Amino acid sequence: MSIDDKIKKDLAEQAQELDQMMQEKEGLGDYLKTGFRSGMKWVMVIGYIYAIVFTVLMFTFGYQFFNAEPQRQIFWGVLLILVFNGLIAVKLWIFIETNRNHTSKEIRRLELRLRSSN
């Protein structure tokens, strides 16, 4: 087998692998599940609990803000803004951790592929 045939064969195998990977359709749910596939699963659970609590508080404070008398609206408005900022921070952290886990999974997959090709 000549070197050209070997290169063509390797390129065909890689193209087939890429086609197979492209057909794996990961939705948002599958992407978010990767955050729970690490050693720090309990931290992600706490993050999601904080997100749920902040969401409930945000709706509660928003309701109180729109139904409060004008003298109390500043109080409820400040609480609403603080909880909204906390919710944004928690959700950003969740997506950052999920992205970190997803990226490390892809790096491990690439590393295994490189090792098997050698």
Protein backbone atom coordinates (compact mmCIF):
# COMPACT_ATOMS: atom_id res chain seq x y z
CA MET A 1 0.00 0.00 0.00
CA SER A 2 1.47 3.31 -1.02
CA ILE A 3 1.55 6.38 1.18
CA ASP A 4 -1.10 8.05 -1.02
CA ASP A 5 -3.48 5.14 -0.51
CA LYS A 6 -2.89 5.23 3.23
CA ILE A 7 -3.59 8.98 3.34
CA LYS A 8 -6.79 8.53 1.31
CA LYS A 9 -7.89 5.72 3.60
CA ASP A 10 -7.22 7.80 6.75
CA LEU A 11 -9.05 10.80 5.30
CA ALA A 12 -12.04 8.63 4.41
CA GLU A 13 -12.14 7.20 7.94
CA GLN A 14 -11.94 10.68 9.47
CA ALA A 15 -14.69 11.94 7.17
CA GLN A 16 -16.87 9.01 8.23
CA GLU A 17 -16.21 9.76 11.92
CA LEU A 18 -17.09 13.42 11.40
CA ASP A 19 -20.30 12.47 9.60
CA GLN A 20 -21.22 10.22 12.51
CA MET A 21 -20.48 12.99 15.04
CA MET A 22 -22.54 15.50 13.06
CA GLN A 23 -25.53 13.18 13.22
CA GLU A 24 -25.41 13.07 17.02
CA LYS A 25 -27.98 15.71 17.83
CA GLU A 26 -27.58 17.12 21.29
CA GLY A 27 -30.40 19.36 22.38
CA LEU A 28 -30.36 21.90 25.17
CA GLY A 29 -31.48 19.27 27.67
CA ASP A 30 -28.61 16.95 26.77
CA TYR A 31 -26.18 19.86 26.91
CA LEU A 32 -27.35 20.88 30.39
CA LYS A 33 -27.07 17.28 31.61
CA THR A 34 -23.32 17.38 30.98
CA GLY A 35 -23.03 19.73 33.94
CA PHE A 36 -24.02 16.85 36.20
CA ARG A 37 -21.42 14.43 34.80
CA SER A 38 -18.51 15.57 36.91
CA GLY A 39 -17.19 14.99 40.40
CA MET A 40 -18.86 18.21 41.55
CA LYS A 41 -22.41 17.10 40.78
CA TRP A 42 -23.64 18.26 44.18
CA VAL A 43 -22.46 21.82 43.46
CA MET A 44 -24.54 21.87 40.27
CA VAL A 45 -27.56 20.67 42.24
CA ILE A 46 -27.06 23.52 44.71
CA GLY A 47 -26.73 25.95 41.80
CA TYR A 48 -30.03 24.78 40.32
CA ILE A 49 -31.71 25.02 43.73
CA TYR A 50 -30.46 28.62 44.04
CA ALA A 51 -31.77 29.34 40.54
CA ILE A 52 -35.22 28.02 41.45
CA VAL A 53 -35.29 29.95 44.73
CA PHE A 54 -34.19 33.17 43.02
CA THR A 55 -36.82 32.69 40.31
CA VAL A 56 -39.58 32.28 42.89
CA LEU A 57 -38.30 35.32 44.80
CA MET A 58 -38.11 37.35 41.59
CA PHE A 59 -41.74 36.66 40.73
CA THR A 60 -42.80 37.33 44.33
CA PHE A 61 -40.93 40.63 44.54
CA GLY A 62 -42.17 41.63 41.09
CA TYR A 63 -45.75 40.98 42.16
CA GLN A 64 -45.22 42.95 45.38
CA PHE A 65 -43.62 45.80 43.42
CA PHE A 66 -46.54 46.19 41.04
CA ASN A 67 -49.17 45.86 43.79
CA ALA A 68 -47.48 47.95 46.51
CA GLU A 69 -48.43 51.46 47.44
CA PRO A 70 -46.10 54.10 45.95
CA GLN A 71 -44.10 54.59 49.18
CA ARG A 72 -43.16 50.88 49.29
CA GLN A 73 -42.39 50.45 45.59
CA ILE A 74 -38.77 51.53 46.04
CA PHE A 75 -38.22 48.82 48.65
CA TRP A 76 -39.72 46.08 46.48
CA GLY A 77 -38.02 47.46 43.36
CA VAL A 78 -34.57 47.32 44.99
CA LEU A 79 -35.21 43.76 46.17
CA LEU A 80 -36.41 42.83 42.69
CA ILE A 81 -33.24 44.21 41.09
CA LEU A 82 -30.99 42.46 43.62
CA VAL A 83 -32.69 39.10 43.16
CA PHE A 84 -32.64 39.54 39.38
CA ASN A 85 -28.88 40.17 39.48
CA GLY A 86 -28.38 37.12 41.72
CA LEU A 87 -30.41 34.99 39.32
CA ILE A 88 -28.32 36.17 36.37
CA ALA A 89 -25.11 35.35 38.25
CA VAL A 90 -26.31 31.85 39.17
CA LYS A 91 -27.48 31.07 35.65
CA LEU A 92 -24.20 32.32 34.17
CA TRP A 93 -22.30 30.11 36.58
CA ILE A 94 -24.45 27.11 35.61
CA PHE A 95 -23.78 27.65 31.92
CA ILE A 96 -20.07 28.25 32.51
CA GLU A 97 -19.73 24.99 34.47
CA THR A 98 -21.77 23.10 31.89
CA ASN A 99 -19.60 24.48 29.10
CA ARG A 100 -16.44 23.57 31.01
CA ASN A 101 -17.63 19.97 31.44
CA HIS A 102 -18.73 19.76 27.82
CA THR A 103 -15.38 21.12 26.60
CA SER A 104 -13.38 18.73 28.79
CA LYS A 105 -15.48 15.84 27.48
CA GLU A 106 -14.71 16.87 23.89
CA ILE A 107 -11.00 17.21 24.69
CA ARG A 108 -10.94 13.71 26.21
CA ARG A 109 -12.73 12.36 23.13
CA LEU A 110 -10.19 14.05 20.86
CA GLU A 111 -7.31 12.74 22.96
CA LEU A 112 -8.63 9.18 22.70
CA ARG A 113 -9.03 9.56 18.95
CA LEU A 114 -5.46 10.82 18.61
CA ARG A 115 -4.11 7.97 20.72
CA SER A 116 -6.00 5.35 18.73
CA SER A 117 -4.77 6.73 15.42
CA ASN A 118 -1.11 6.40 16.47
